[in-house]
Every structure is written in C-alpha cells, then in structure tokens.
C-alpha cells in the first residue's frame, strides 16, 4: 500500500506526495486483500 489514506493536511515537501480518502480502503476489503505492507517511500507523504 504505497500512499496514505488520511484527511491530514501535513503534506511533505516531495516531488510526488500521494493521498487517498480513508474510504478508499474499501477497494482492498472488497478485493479480498488481507495484509498490506506500509514500509515504502510514500506511506508518510502526509507526515
């Protein structure tokens, strides 16, 4: 999972900073995903 699901406004100074609405987690649950790695260079794009 490369990018935060948050309503935070704490955007970091980066070339690309991704963010999705928390409701987007349903994409994973509806897709039958059971586990997500968060150790990547976009998980903290919003601090």
ModelCIF file with pLDDT and N, C-alpha, C, O atoms, coordinates in Angstrom:
data_MODEL
#
_entry.id   MODEL 
#
_entity.id                         1 
_entity.type                       polymer 
_entity.pdbx_number_of_molecules   1 
#
_entity_poly.entity_id                      1 
_entity_poly.type                           'polypeptide(L)' 
_entity_poly.nstd_linkage                   no 
_entity_poly.nstd_monomer                   no 
_entity_poly.pdbx_seq_one_letter_code       
;(UNK)(UNK)(UNK)(UNK)(UNK)(UNK)(UNK)(UNK)(UNK)(UNK)(UNK)(UNK)(UNK)(UNK)(UNK)(UNK)
(UNK)(UNK)(UNK)(UNK)(UNK)(UNK)(UNK)(UNK)(UNK)(UNK)(UNK)(UNK)(UNK)(UNK)(UNK)(UNK)
(UNK)(UNK)(UNK)(UNK)(UNK)(UNK)(UNK)(UNK)(UNK)(UNK)(UNK)(UNK)(UNK)(UNK)(UNK)
;
_entity_poly.pdbx_seq_one_letter_code_can   XXXXXXXXXXXXXXXXXXXXXXXXXXXXXXXXXXXXXXXXXXXXXXX 
_entity_poly.pdbx_strand_id                 A 
#
loop_
_entity_poly_seq.entity_id 
_entity_poly_seq.num 
_entity_poly_seq.mon_id 
_entity_poly_seq.hetero 
1 1  UNK n 
1 2  UNK n 
1 3  UNK n 
1 4  UNK n 
1 5  UNK n 
1 6  UNK n 
1 7  UNK n 
1 8  UNK n 
1 9  UNK n 
1 10 UNK n 
1 11 UNK n 
1 12 UNK n 
1 13 UNK n 
1 14 UNK n 
1 15 UNK n 
1 16 UNK n 
1 17 UNK n 
1 18 UNK n 
1 19 UNK n 
1 20 UNK n 
1 21 UNK n 
1 22 UNK n 
1 23 UNK n 
1 24 UNK n 
1 25 UNK n 
1 26 UNK n 
1 27 UNK n 
1 28 UNK n 
1 29 UNK n 
1 30 UNK n 
1 31 UNK n 
1 32 UNK n 
1 33 UNK n 
1 34 UNK n 
1 35 UNK n 
1 36 UNK n 
1 37 UNK n 
1 38 UNK n 
1 39 UNK n 
1 40 UNK n 
1 41 UNK n 
1 42 UNK n 
1 43 UNK n 
1 44 UNK n 
1 45 UNK n 
1 46 UNK n 
1 47 UNK n 
#
_struct_asym.id          A 
_struct_asym.entity_id   1 
#
loop_
_ma_qa_metric.id 
_ma_qa_metric.mode 
_ma_qa_metric.name 
_ma_qa_metric.software_group_id 
_ma_qa_metric.type 
1 global pLDDT . pLDDT 
2 local  pLDDT . pLDDT 
#
_ma_qa_metric_global.metric_id      1 
_ma_qa_metric_global.metric_value   97.64 
_ma_qa_metric_global.model_id       1 
_ma_qa_metric_global.ordinal_id     1 
#
loop_
_ma_qa_metric_local.label_asym_id 
_ma_qa_metric_local.label_comp_id 
_ma_qa_metric_local.label_seq_id 
_ma_qa_metric_local.metric_id 
_ma_qa_metric_local.metric_value 
_ma_qa_metric_local.model_id 
_ma_qa_metric_local.ordinal_id 
A UNK 1  2 98.00 1 1  
A UNK 2  2 98.00 1 2  
A UNK 3  2 98.00 1 3  
A UNK 4  2 98.00 1 4  
A UNK 5  2 98.00 1 5  
A UNK 6  2 98.00 1 6  
A UNK 7  2 97.00 1 7  
A UNK 8  2 97.00 1 8  
A UNK 9  2 97.00 1 9  
A UNK 10 2 97.00 1 10 
A UNK 11 2 97.00 1 11 
A UNK 12 2 97.00 1 12 
A UNK 13 2 96.00 1 13 
A UNK 14 2 96.00 1 14 
A UNK 15 2 95.00 1 15 
A UNK 16 2 97.00 1 16 
A UNK 17 2 98.00 1 17 
A UNK 18 2 98.00 1 18 
A UNK 19 2 98.00 1 19 
A UNK 20 2 98.00 1 20 
A UNK 21 2 98.00 1 21 
A UNK 22 2 98.00 1 22 
A UNK 23 2 98.00 1 23 
A UNK 24 2 98.00 1 24 
A UNK 25 2 98.00 1 25 
A UNK 26 2 98.00 1 26 
A UNK 27 2 98.00 1 27 
A UNK 28 2 98.00 1 28 
A UNK 29 2 98.00 1 29 
A UNK 30 2 98.00 1 30 
A UNK 31 2 98.00 1 31 
A UNK 32 2 98.00 1 32 
A UNK 33 2 98.00 1 33 
A UNK 34 2 98.00 1 34 
A UNK 35 2 98.00 1 35 
A UNK 36 2 98.00 1 36 
A UNK 37 2 98.00 1 37 
A UNK 38 2 98.00 1 38 
A UNK 39 2 98.00 1 39 
A UNK 40 2 98.00 1 40 
A UNK 41 2 97.00 1 41 
A UNK 42 2 98.00 1 42 
A UNK 43 2 97.00 1 43 
A UNK 44 2 97.00 1 44 
A UNK 45 2 98.00 1 45 
A UNK 46 2 98.00 1 46 
A UNK 47 2 98.00 1 47 
#
loop_
_atom_site.group_PDB 
_atom_site.id 
_atom_site.type_symbol 
_atom_site.label_atom_id 
_atom_site.label_alt_id 
_atom_site.label_comp_id 
_atom_site.label_asym_id 
_atom_site.label_entity_id 
_atom_site.label_seq_id 
_atom_site.pdbx_PDB_ins_code 
_atom_site.Cartn_x 
_atom_site.Cartn_y 
_atom_site.Cartn_z 
_atom_site.occupancy 
_atom_site.B_iso_or_equiv 
_atom_site.pdbx_formal_charge 
_atom_site.auth_seq_id 
_atom_site.auth_comp_id 
_atom_site.auth_asym_id 
_atom_site.auth_atom_id 
_atom_site.pdbx_PDB_model_num 
ATOM 1   N N  . UNK A 1 1  ? 0.856   -1.187  0.000  1.00 98.00 ? 1  UNK A N  1 
ATOM 2   C CA . UNK A 1 1  ? 0.000   0.000   0.000  1.00 98.00 ? 1  UNK A CA 1 
ATOM 3   C C  . UNK A 1 1  ? 0.890   1.235   0.000  1.00 98.00 ? 1  UNK A C  1 
ATOM 4   O O  . UNK A 1 1  ? 1.428   1.618   1.039  1.00 98.00 ? 1  UNK A O  1 
ATOM 5   N N  . UNK A 1 2  ? 1.046   1.860   -1.172 1.00 98.00 ? 2  UNK A N  1 
ATOM 6   C CA . UNK A 1 2  ? 2.015   2.935   -1.341 1.00 98.00 ? 2  UNK A CA 1 
ATOM 7   C C  . UNK A 1 2  ? 1.303   4.286   -1.407 1.00 98.00 ? 2  UNK A C  1 
ATOM 8   O O  . UNK A 1 2  ? 1.008   4.811   -2.480 1.00 98.00 ? 2  UNK A O  1 
ATOM 9   N N  . UNK A 1 3  ? 1.045   4.815   -0.237 1.00 98.00 ? 3  UNK A N  1 
ATOM 10  C CA . UNK A 1 3  ? 0.377   6.103   -0.122 1.00 98.00 ? 3  UNK A CA 1 
ATOM 11  C C  . UNK A 1 3  ? -0.616  6.081   1.022  1.00 98.00 ? 3  UNK A C  1 
ATOM 12  O O  . UNK A 1 3  ? -1.301  5.078   1.221  1.00 98.00 ? 3  UNK A O  1 
ATOM 13  N N  . UNK A 1 4  ? -0.712  7.170   1.783  1.00 98.00 ? 4  UNK A N  1 
ATOM 14  C CA . UNK A 1 4  ? -1.587  7.195   2.959  1.00 98.00 ? 4  UNK A CA 1 
ATOM 15  C C  . UNK A 1 4  ? -3.062  7.365   2.617  1.00 98.00 ? 4  UNK A C  1 
ATOM 16  O O  . UNK A 1 4  ? -3.423  7.966   1.605  1.00 98.00 ? 4  UNK A O  1 
ATOM 17  N N  . UNK A 1 5  ? -3.886  6.829   3.476  1.00 98.00 ? 5  UNK A N  1 
ATOM 18  C CA . UNK A 1 5  ? -5.331  7.069   3.440  1.00 98.00 ? 5  UNK A CA 1 
ATOM 19  C C  . UNK A 1 5  ? -5.630  7.944   4.651  1.00 98.00 ? 5  UNK A C  1 
ATOM 20  O O  . UNK A 1 5  ? -5.657  7.464   5.785  1.00 98.00 ? 5  UNK A O  1 
ATOM 21  N N  . UNK A 1 6  ? -5.853  9.229   4.401  1.00 98.00 ? 6  UNK A N  1 
ATOM 22  C CA . UNK A 1 6  ? -5.921  10.177  5.514  1.00 98.00 ? 6  UNK A CA 1 
ATOM 23  C C  . UNK A 1 6  ? -6.617  11.459  5.084  1.00 98.00 ? 6  UNK A C  1 
ATOM 24  O O  . UNK A 1 6  ? -6.757  11.740  3.894  1.00 98.00 ? 6  UNK A O  1 
ATOM 25  N N  . UNK A 1 7  ? -7.047  12.224  6.068  1.00 97.00 ? 7  UNK A N  1 
ATOM 26  C CA . UNK A 1 7  ? -7.561  13.567  5.827  1.00 97.00 ? 7  UNK A CA 1 
ATOM 27  C C  . UNK A 1 7  ? -6.565  14.621  6.299  1.00 97.00 ? 7  UNK A C  1 
ATOM 28  O O  . UNK A 1 7  ? -6.873  15.812  6.334  1.00 97.00 ? 7  UNK A O  1 
ATOM 29  N N  . UNK A 1 8  ? -5.371  14.165  6.659  1.00 97.00 ? 8  UNK A N  1 
ATOM 30  C CA . UNK A 1 8  ? -4.335  15.078  7.128  1.00 97.00 ? 8  UNK A CA 1 
ATOM 31  C C  . UNK A 1 8  ? -3.950  16.073  6.033  1.00 97.00 ? 8  UNK A C  1 
ATOM 32  O O  . UNK A 1 8  ? -4.003  15.761  4.843  1.00 97.00 ? 8  UNK A O  1 
ATOM 33  N N  . UNK A 1 9  ? -3.564  17.269  6.459  1.00 97.00 ? 9  UNK A N  1 
ATOM 34  C CA . UNK A 1 9  ? -3.083  18.305  5.538  1.00 97.00 ? 9  UNK A CA 1 
ATOM 35  C C  . UNK A 1 9  ? -1.574  18.510  5.672  1.00 97.00 ? 9  UNK A C  1 
ATOM 36  O O  . UNK A 1 9  ? -1.022  19.465  5.125  1.00 97.00 ? 9  UNK A O  1 
ATOM 37  N N  . UNK A 1 10 ? -0.916  17.618  6.398  1.00 97.00 ? 10 UNK A N  1 
ATOM 38  C CA . UNK A 1 10 ? 0.515   17.754  6.667  1.00 97.00 ? 10 UNK A CA 1 
ATOM 39  C C  . UNK A 1 10 ? 1.341   17.209  5.496  1.00 97.00 ? 10 UNK A C  1 
ATOM 40  O O  . UNK A 1 10 ? 2.086   16.242  5.652  1.00 97.00 ? 10 UNK A O  1 
ATOM 41  N N  . UNK A 1 11 ? 1.203   17.828  4.337  1.00 97.00 ? 11 UNK A N  1 
ATOM 42  C CA . UNK A 1 11 ? 1.900   17.359  3.146  1.00 97.00 ? 11 UNK A CA 1 
ATOM 43  C C  . UNK A 1 11 ? 3.401   17.598  3.278  1.00 97.00 ? 11 UNK A C  1 
ATOM 44  O O  . UNK A 1 11 ? 3.837   18.649  3.748  1.00 97.00 ? 11 UNK A O  1 
ATOM 45  N N  . UNK A 1 12 ? 4.182   16.607  2.856  1.00 97.00 ? 12 UNK A N  1 
ATOM 46  C CA . UNK A 1 12 ? 5.633   16.708  2.912  1.00 97.00 ? 12 UNK A CA 1 
ATOM 47  C C  . UNK A 1 12 ? 6.174   17.301  1.616  1.00 97.00 ? 12 UNK A C  1 
ATOM 48  O O  . UNK A 1 12 ? 5.544   17.194  0.563  1.00 97.00 ? 12 UNK A O  1 
ATOM 49  N N  . UNK A 1 13 ? 7.341   17.922  1.702  1.00 96.00 ? 13 UNK A N  1 
ATOM 50  C CA . UNK A 1 13 ? 7.965   18.503  0.516  1.00 96.00 ? 13 UNK A CA 1 
ATOM 51  C C  . UNK A 1 13 ? 8.643   17.393  -0.279 1.00 96.00 ? 13 UNK A C  1 
ATOM 52  O O  . UNK A 1 13 ? 9.749   16.962  0.049  1.00 96.00 ? 13 UNK A O  1 
ATOM 53  N N  . UNK A 1 14 ? 7.973   16.946  -1.312 1.00 96.00 ? 14 UNK A N  1 
ATOM 54  C CA . UNK A 1 14 ? 8.468   15.850  -2.136 1.00 96.00 ? 14 UNK A CA 1 
ATOM 55  C C  . UNK A 1 14 ? 8.077   16.121  -3.586 1.00 96.00 ? 14 UNK A C  1 
ATOM 56  O O  . UNK A 1 14 ? 7.230   16.967  -3.872 1.00 96.00 ? 14 UNK A O  1 
ATOM 57  N N  . UNK A 1 15 ? 8.717   15.377  -4.497 1.00 95.00 ? 15 UNK A N  1 
ATOM 58  C CA . UNK A 1 15 ? 8.345   15.506  -5.902 1.00 95.00 ? 15 UNK A CA 1 
ATOM 59  C C  . UNK A 1 15 ? 6.904   15.078  -6.110 1.00 95.00 ? 15 UNK A C  1 
ATOM 60  O O  . UNK A 1 15 ? 6.141   15.741  -6.812 1.00 95.00 ? 15 UNK A O  1 
ATOM 61  N N  . UNK A 1 16 ? 6.541   13.960  -5.489 1.00 97.00 ? 16 UNK A N  1 
ATOM 62  C CA . UNK A 1 16 ? 5.161   13.476  -5.536 1.00 97.00 ? 16 UNK A CA 1 
ATOM 63  C C  . UNK A 1 16 ? 4.743   13.104  -4.121 1.00 97.00 ? 16 UNK A C  1 
ATOM 64  O O  . UNK A 1 16 ? 5.459   12.385  -3.423 1.00 97.00 ? 16 UNK A O  1 
ATOM 65  N N  . UNK A 1 17 ? 3.595   13.588  -3.705 1.00 98.00 ? 17 UNK A N  1 
ATOM 66  C CA . UNK A 1 17 ? 3.035   13.252  -2.390 1.00 98.00 ? 17 UNK A CA 1 
ATOM 67  C C  . UNK A 1 17 ? 1.604   12.767  -2.612 1.00 98.00 ? 17 UNK A C  1 
ATOM 68  O O  . UNK A 1 17 ? 0.724   13.536  -2.999 1.00 98.00 ? 17 UNK A O  1 
ATOM 69  N N  . UNK A 1 18 ? 1.393   11.481  -2.360 1.00 98.00 ? 18 UNK A N  1 
ATOM 70  C CA . UNK A 1 18 ? 0.087   10.882  -2.628 1.00 98.00 ? 18 UNK A CA 1 
ATOM 71  C C  . UNK A 1 18 ? -0.786  10.887  -1.378 1.00 98.00 ? 18 UNK A C  1 
ATOM 72  O O  . UNK A 1 18 ? -0.303  10.862  -0.246 1.00 98.00 ? 18 UNK A O  1 
ATOM 73  N N  . UNK A 1 19 ? -2.091  10.922  -1.631 1.00 98.00 ? 19 UNK A N  1 
ATOM 74  C CA . UNK A 1 19 ? -3.058  10.821  -0.533 1.00 98.00 ? 19 UNK A CA 1 
ATOM 75  C C  . UNK A 1 19 ? -4.380  10.326  -1.086 1.00 98.00 ? 19 UNK A C  1 
ATOM 76  O O  . UNK A 1 19 ? -4.800  10.717  -2.175 1.00 98.00 ? 19 UNK A O  1 
ATOM 77  N N  . UNK A 1 20 ? -5.031  9.461   -0.322 1.00 98.00 ? 20 UNK A N  1 
ATOM 78  C CA . UNK A 1 20 ? -6.352  8.977   -0.690 1.00 98.00 ? 20 UNK A CA 1 
ATOM 79  C C  . UNK A 1 20 ? -7.315  9.140   0.469  1.00 98.00 ? 20 UNK A C  1 
ATOM 80  O O  . UNK A 1 20 ? -6.902  9.188   1.627  1.00 98.00 ? 20 UNK A O  1 
ATOM 81  N N  . UNK A 1 21 ? -8.602  9.224   0.155  1.00 98.00 ? 21 UNK A N  1 
ATOM 82  C CA . UNK A 1 21 ? -9.608  9.320   1.203  1.00 98.00 ? 21 UNK A CA 1 
ATOM 83  C C  . UNK A 1 21 ? -9.651  8.012   1.998  1.00 98.00 ? 21 UNK A C  1 
ATOM 84  O O  . UNK A 1 21 ? -9.501  6.937   1.418  1.00 98.00 ? 21 UNK A O  1 
ATOM 85  N N  . UNK A 1 22 ? -9.855  8.089   3.315  1.00 98.00 ? 22 UNK A N  1 
ATOM 86  C CA . UNK A 1 22 ? -9.911  6.863   4.128  1.00 98.00 ? 22 UNK A CA 1 
ATOM 87  C C  . UNK A 1 22 ? -10.923 5.835   3.620  1.00 98.00 ? 22 UNK A C  1 
ATOM 88  O O  . UNK A 1 22 ? -10.739 4.636   3.831  1.00 98.00 ? 22 UNK A O  1 
ATOM 89  N N  . UNK A 1 23 ? -11.989 6.290   2.952  1.00 98.00 ? 23 UNK A N  1 
ATOM 90  C CA . UNK A 1 23 ? -12.996 5.346   2.446  1.00 98.00 ? 23 UNK A CA 1 
ATOM 91  C C  . UNK A 1 23 ? -12.444 4.446   1.353  1.00 98.00 ? 23 UNK A C  1 
ATOM 92  O O  . UNK A 1 23 ? -13.029 3.407   1.049  1.00 98.00 ? 23 UNK A O  1 
ATOM 93  N N  . UNK A 1 24 ? -11.307 4.841   0.750  1.00 98.00 ? 24 UNK A N  1 
ATOM 94  C CA . UNK A 1 24 ? -10.734 4.036   -0.328 1.00 98.00 ? 24 UNK A CA 1 
ATOM 95  C C  . UNK A 1 24 ? -10.242 2.670   0.155  1.00 98.00 ? 24 UNK A C  1 
ATOM 96  O O  . UNK A 1 24 ? -9.966  1.786   -0.656 1.00 98.00 ? 24 UNK A O  1 
ATOM 97  N N  . UNK A 1 25 ? -10.135 2.499   1.467  1.00 98.00 ? 25 UNK A N  1 
ATOM 98  C CA . UNK A 1 25 ? -9.728  1.190   1.988  1.00 98.00 ? 25 UNK A CA 1 
ATOM 99  C C  . UNK A 1 25 ? -10.692 0.096   1.547  1.00 98.00 ? 25 UNK A C  1 
ATOM 100 O O  . UNK A 1 25 ? -10.333 -1.081  1.525  1.00 98.00 ? 25 UNK A O  1 
ATOM 101 N N  . UNK A 1 26 ? -11.925 0.486   1.193  1.00 98.00 ? 26 UNK A N  1 
ATOM 102 C CA . UNK A 1 26 ? -12.905 -0.491  0.732  1.00 98.00 ? 26 UNK A CA 1 
ATOM 103 C C  . UNK A 1 26 ? -12.481 -1.169  -0.574 1.00 98.00 ? 26 UNK A C  1 
ATOM 104 O O  . UNK A 1 26 ? -12.937 -2.272  -0.877 1.00 98.00 ? 26 UNK A O  1 
ATOM 105 N N  . UNK A 1 27 ? -11.617 -0.518  -1.338 1.00 98.00 ? 27 UNK A N  1 
ATOM 106 C CA . UNK A 1 27 ? -11.083 -1.151  -2.549 1.00 98.00 ? 27 UNK A CA 1 
ATOM 107 C C  . UNK A 1 27 ? -10.365 -2.447  -2.169 1.00 98.00 ? 27 UNK A C  1 
ATOM 108 O O  . UNK A 1 27 ? -10.484 -3.462  -2.855 1.00 98.00 ? 27 UNK A O  1 
ATOM 109 N N  . UNK A 1 28 ? -9.625  -2.392  -1.076 1.00 98.00 ? 28 UNK A N  1 
ATOM 110 C CA . UNK A 1 28 ? -8.883  -3.571  -0.630 1.00 98.00 ? 28 UNK A CA 1 
ATOM 111 C C  . UNK A 1 28 ? -9.791  -4.613  0.007  1.00 98.00 ? 28 UNK A C  1 
ATOM 112 O O  . UNK A 1 28 ? -9.655  -5.807  -0.261 1.00 98.00 ? 28 UNK A O  1 
ATOM 113 N N  . UNK A 1 29 ? -10.712 -4.167  0.846  1.00 98.00 ? 29 UNK A N  1 
ATOM 114 C CA . UNK A 1 29 ? -11.597 -5.136  1.503  1.00 98.00 ? 29 UNK A CA 1 
ATOM 115 C C  . UNK A 1 29 ? -12.510 -5.810  0.485  1.00 98.00 ? 29 UNK A C  1 
ATOM 116 O O  . UNK A 1 29 ? -12.720 -7.022  0.546  1.00 98.00 ? 29 UNK A O  1 
ATOM 117 N N  . UNK A 1 30 ? -13.054 -5.032  -0.453 1.00 98.00 ? 30 UNK A N  1 
ATOM 118 C CA . UNK A 1 30 ? -13.907 -5.623  -1.486 1.00 98.00 ? 30 UNK A CA 1 
ATOM 119 C C  . UNK A 1 30 ? -13.106 -6.529  -2.421 1.00 98.00 ? 30 UNK A C  1 
ATOM 120 O O  . UNK A 1 30 ? -13.657 -7.429  -3.055 1.00 98.00 ? 30 UNK A O  1 
ATOM 121 N N  . UNK A 1 31 ? -11.800 -6.278  -2.496 1.00 98.00 ? 31 UNK A N  1 
ATOM 122 C CA . UNK A 1 31 ? -10.942 -7.090  -3.354 1.00 98.00 ? 31 UNK A CA 1 
ATOM 123 C C  . UNK A 1 31 ? -10.363 -8.308  -2.673 1.00 98.00 ? 31 UNK A C  1 
ATOM 124 O O  . UNK A 1 31 ? -9.568  -9.033  -3.270 1.00 98.00 ? 31 UNK A O  1 
ATOM 125 N N  . UNK A 1 32 ? -10.756 -8.548  -1.413 1.00 98.00 ? 32 UNK A N  1 
ATOM 126 C CA . UNK A 1 32 ? -10.306 -9.727  -0.659 1.00 98.00 ? 32 UNK A CA 1 
ATOM 127 C C  . UNK A 1 32 ? -8.804  -9.699  -0.372 1.00 98.00 ? 32 UNK A C  1 
ATOM 128 O O  . UNK A 1 32 ? -8.111  -10.706 -0.514 1.00 98.00 ? 32 UNK A O  1 
ATOM 129 N N  . UNK A 1 33 ? -8.318  -8.528  0.034  1.00 98.00 ? 33 UNK A N  1 
ATOM 130 C CA . UNK A 1 33 ? -6.929  -8.371  0.468  1.00 98.00 ? 33 UNK A CA 1 
ATOM 131 C C  . UNK A 1 33 ? -6.885  -8.498  1.988  1.00 98.00 ? 33 UNK A C  1 
ATOM 132 O O  . UNK A 1 33 ? -7.712  -7.915  2.690  1.00 98.00 ? 33 UNK A O  1 
ATOM 133 N N  . UNK A 1 34 ? -5.916  -9.264  2.493  1.00 98.00 ? 34 UNK A N  1 
ATOM 134 C CA . UNK A 1 34 ? -5.839  -9.494  3.942  1.00 98.00 ? 34 UNK A CA 1 
ATOM 135 C C  . UNK A 1 34 ? -4.663  -8.809  4.625  1.00 98.00 ? 34 UNK A C  1 
ATOM 136 O O  . UNK A 1 34 ? -4.676  -8.646  5.845  1.00 98.00 ? 34 UNK A O  1 
ATOM 137 N N  . UNK A 1 35 ? -3.640  -8.402  3.865  1.00 98.00 ? 35 UNK A N  1 
ATOM 138 C CA . UNK A 1 35 ? -2.463  -7.804  4.505  1.00 98.00 ? 35 UNK A CA 1 
ATOM 139 C C  . UNK A 1 35 ? -1.838  -6.774  3.572  1.00 98.00 ? 35 UNK A C  1 
ATOM 140 O O  . UNK A 1 35 ? -1.868  -6.919  2.350  1.00 98.00 ? 35 UNK A O  1 
ATOM 141 N N  . UNK A 1 36 ? -1.262  -5.715  4.182  1.00 98.00 ? 36 UNK A N  1 
ATOM 142 C CA . UNK A 1 36 ? -0.655  -4.640  3.393  1.00 98.00 ? 36 UNK A CA 1 
ATOM 143 C C  . UNK A 1 36 ? 0.655   -4.192  4.023  1.00 98.00 ? 36 UNK A C  1 
ATOM 144 O O  . UNK A 1 36 ? 0.715   -3.879  5.212  1.00 98.00 ? 36 UNK A O  1 
ATOM 145 N N  . UNK A 1 37 ? 1.709   -4.166  3.201  1.00 98.00 ? 37 UNK A N  1 
ATOM 146 C CA . UNK A 1 37 ? 2.990   -3.611  3.632  1.00 98.00 ? 37 UNK A CA 1 
ATOM 147 C C  . UNK A 1 37 ? 2.936   -2.085  3.565  1.00 98.00 ? 37 UNK A C  1 
ATOM 148 O O  . UNK A 1 37 ? 2.451   -1.515  2.588  1.00 98.00 ? 37 UNK A O  1 
ATOM 149 N N  . UNK A 1 38 ? 3.441   -1.430  4.618  1.00 98.00 ? 38 UNK A N  1 
ATOM 150 C CA . UNK A 1 38 ? 3.465   0.034   4.658  1.00 98.00 ? 38 UNK A CA 1 
ATOM 151 C C  . UNK A 1 38 ? 4.886   0.591   4.640  1.00 98.00 ? 38 UNK A C  1 
ATOM 152 O O  . UNK A 1 38 ? 5.073   1.807   4.698  1.00 98.00 ? 38 UNK A O  1 
ATOM 153 N N  . UNK A 1 39 ? 5.884   -0.279  4.561  1.00 98.00 ? 39 UNK A N  1 
ATOM 154 C CA . UNK A 1 39 ? 7.273   0.178   4.567  1.00 98.00 ? 39 UNK A CA 1 
ATOM 155 C C  . UNK A 1 39 ? 7.675   0.581   3.156  1.00 98.00 ? 39 UNK A C  1 
ATOM 156 O O  . UNK A 1 39 ? 8.237   -0.217  2.407  1.00 98.00 ? 39 UNK A O  1 
ATOM 157 N N  . UNK A 1 40 ? 7.382   1.828   2.803  1.00 98.00 ? 40 UNK A N  1 
ATOM 158 C CA . UNK A 1 40 ? 7.732   2.330   1.479  1.00 98.00 ? 40 UNK A CA 1 
ATOM 159 C C  . UNK A 1 40 ? 7.919   3.842   1.537  1.00 98.00 ? 40 UNK A C  1 
ATOM 160 O O  . UNK A 1 40 ? 7.701   4.464   2.577  1.00 98.00 ? 40 UNK A O  1 
ATOM 161 N N  . UNK A 1 41 ? 8.321   4.423   0.419  1.00 97.00 ? 41 UNK A N  1 
ATOM 162 C CA . UNK A 1 41 ? 8.679   5.837   0.414  1.00 97.00 ? 41 UNK A CA 1 
ATOM 163 C C  . UNK A 1 41 ? 7.498   6.779   0.174  1.00 97.00 ? 41 UNK A C  1 
ATOM 164 O O  . UNK A 1 41 ? 7.697   7.960   -0.112 1.00 97.00 ? 41 UNK A O  1 
ATOM 165 N N  . UNK A 1 42 ? 6.262   6.260   0.288  1.00 98.00 ? 42 UNK A N  1 
ATOM 166 C CA . UNK A 1 42 ? 5.099   7.146   0.165  1.00 98.00 ? 42 UNK A CA 1 
ATOM 167 C C  . UNK A 1 42 ? 4.117   7.010   1.329  1.00 98.00 ? 42 UNK A C  1 
ATOM 168 O O  . UNK A 1 42 ? 3.144   7.761   1.401  1.00 98.00 ? 42 UNK A O  1 
ATOM 169 N N  . UNK A 1 43 ? 4.354   6.078   2.226  1.00 97.00 ? 43 UNK A N  1 
ATOM 170 C CA . UNK A 1 43 ? 3.405   5.880   3.328  1.00 97.00 ? 43 UNK A CA 1 
ATOM 171 C C  . UNK A 1 43 ? 3.359   7.074   4.271  1.00 97.00 ? 43 UNK A C  1 
ATOM 172 O O  . UNK A 1 43 ? 2.382   7.254   4.998  1.00 97.00 ? 43 UNK A O  1 
ATOM 173 N N  . UNK A 1 44 ? 4.415   7.894   4.263  1.00 97.00 ? 44 UNK A N  1 
ATOM 174 C CA . UNK A 1 44 ? 4.447   9.065   5.143  1.00 97.00 ? 44 UNK A CA 1 
ATOM 175 C C  . UNK A 1 44 ? 4.463   10.368  4.337  1.00 97.00 ? 44 UNK A C  1 
ATOM 176 O O  . UNK A 1 44 ? 5.038   11.369  4.764  1.00 97.00 ? 44 UNK A O  1 
ATOM 177 N N  . UNK A 1 45 ? 3.822   10.337  3.168  1.00 98.00 ? 45 UNK A N  1 
ATOM 178 C CA . UNK A 1 45 ? 3.742   11.558  2.346  1.00 98.00 ? 45 UNK A CA 1 
ATOM 179 C C  . UNK A 1 45 ? 3.004   12.687  3.054  1.00 98.00 ? 45 UNK A C  1 
ATOM 180 O O  . UNK A 1 45 ? 3.209   13.859  2.739  1.00 98.00 ? 45 UNK A O  1 
ATOM 181 N N  . UNK A 1 46 ? 2.151   12.338  4.006  1.00 98.00 ? 46 UNK A N  1 
ATOM 182 C CA . UNK A 1 46 ? 1.450   13.351  4.795  1.00 98.00 ? 46 UNK A CA 1 
ATOM 183 C C  . UNK A 1 46 ? 1.826   13.233  6.272  1.00 98.00 ? 46 UNK A C  1 
ATOM 184 O O  . UNK A 1 46 ? 0.991   13.349  7.170  1.00 98.00 ? 46 UNK A O  1 
ATOM 185 N N  . UNK A 1 47 ? 3.117   12.999  6.478  1.00 98.00 ? 47 UNK A N  1 
ATOM 186 C CA . UNK A 1 47 ? 3.672   13.002  7.820  1.00 98.00 ? 47 UNK A CA 1 
ATOM 187 C C  . UNK A 1 47 ? 3.290   11.794  8.660  1.00 98.00 ? 47 UNK A C  1 
ATOM 188 O O  . UNK A 1 47 ? 3.704   11.690  9.815  1.00 98.00 ? 47 UNK A O  1 
#
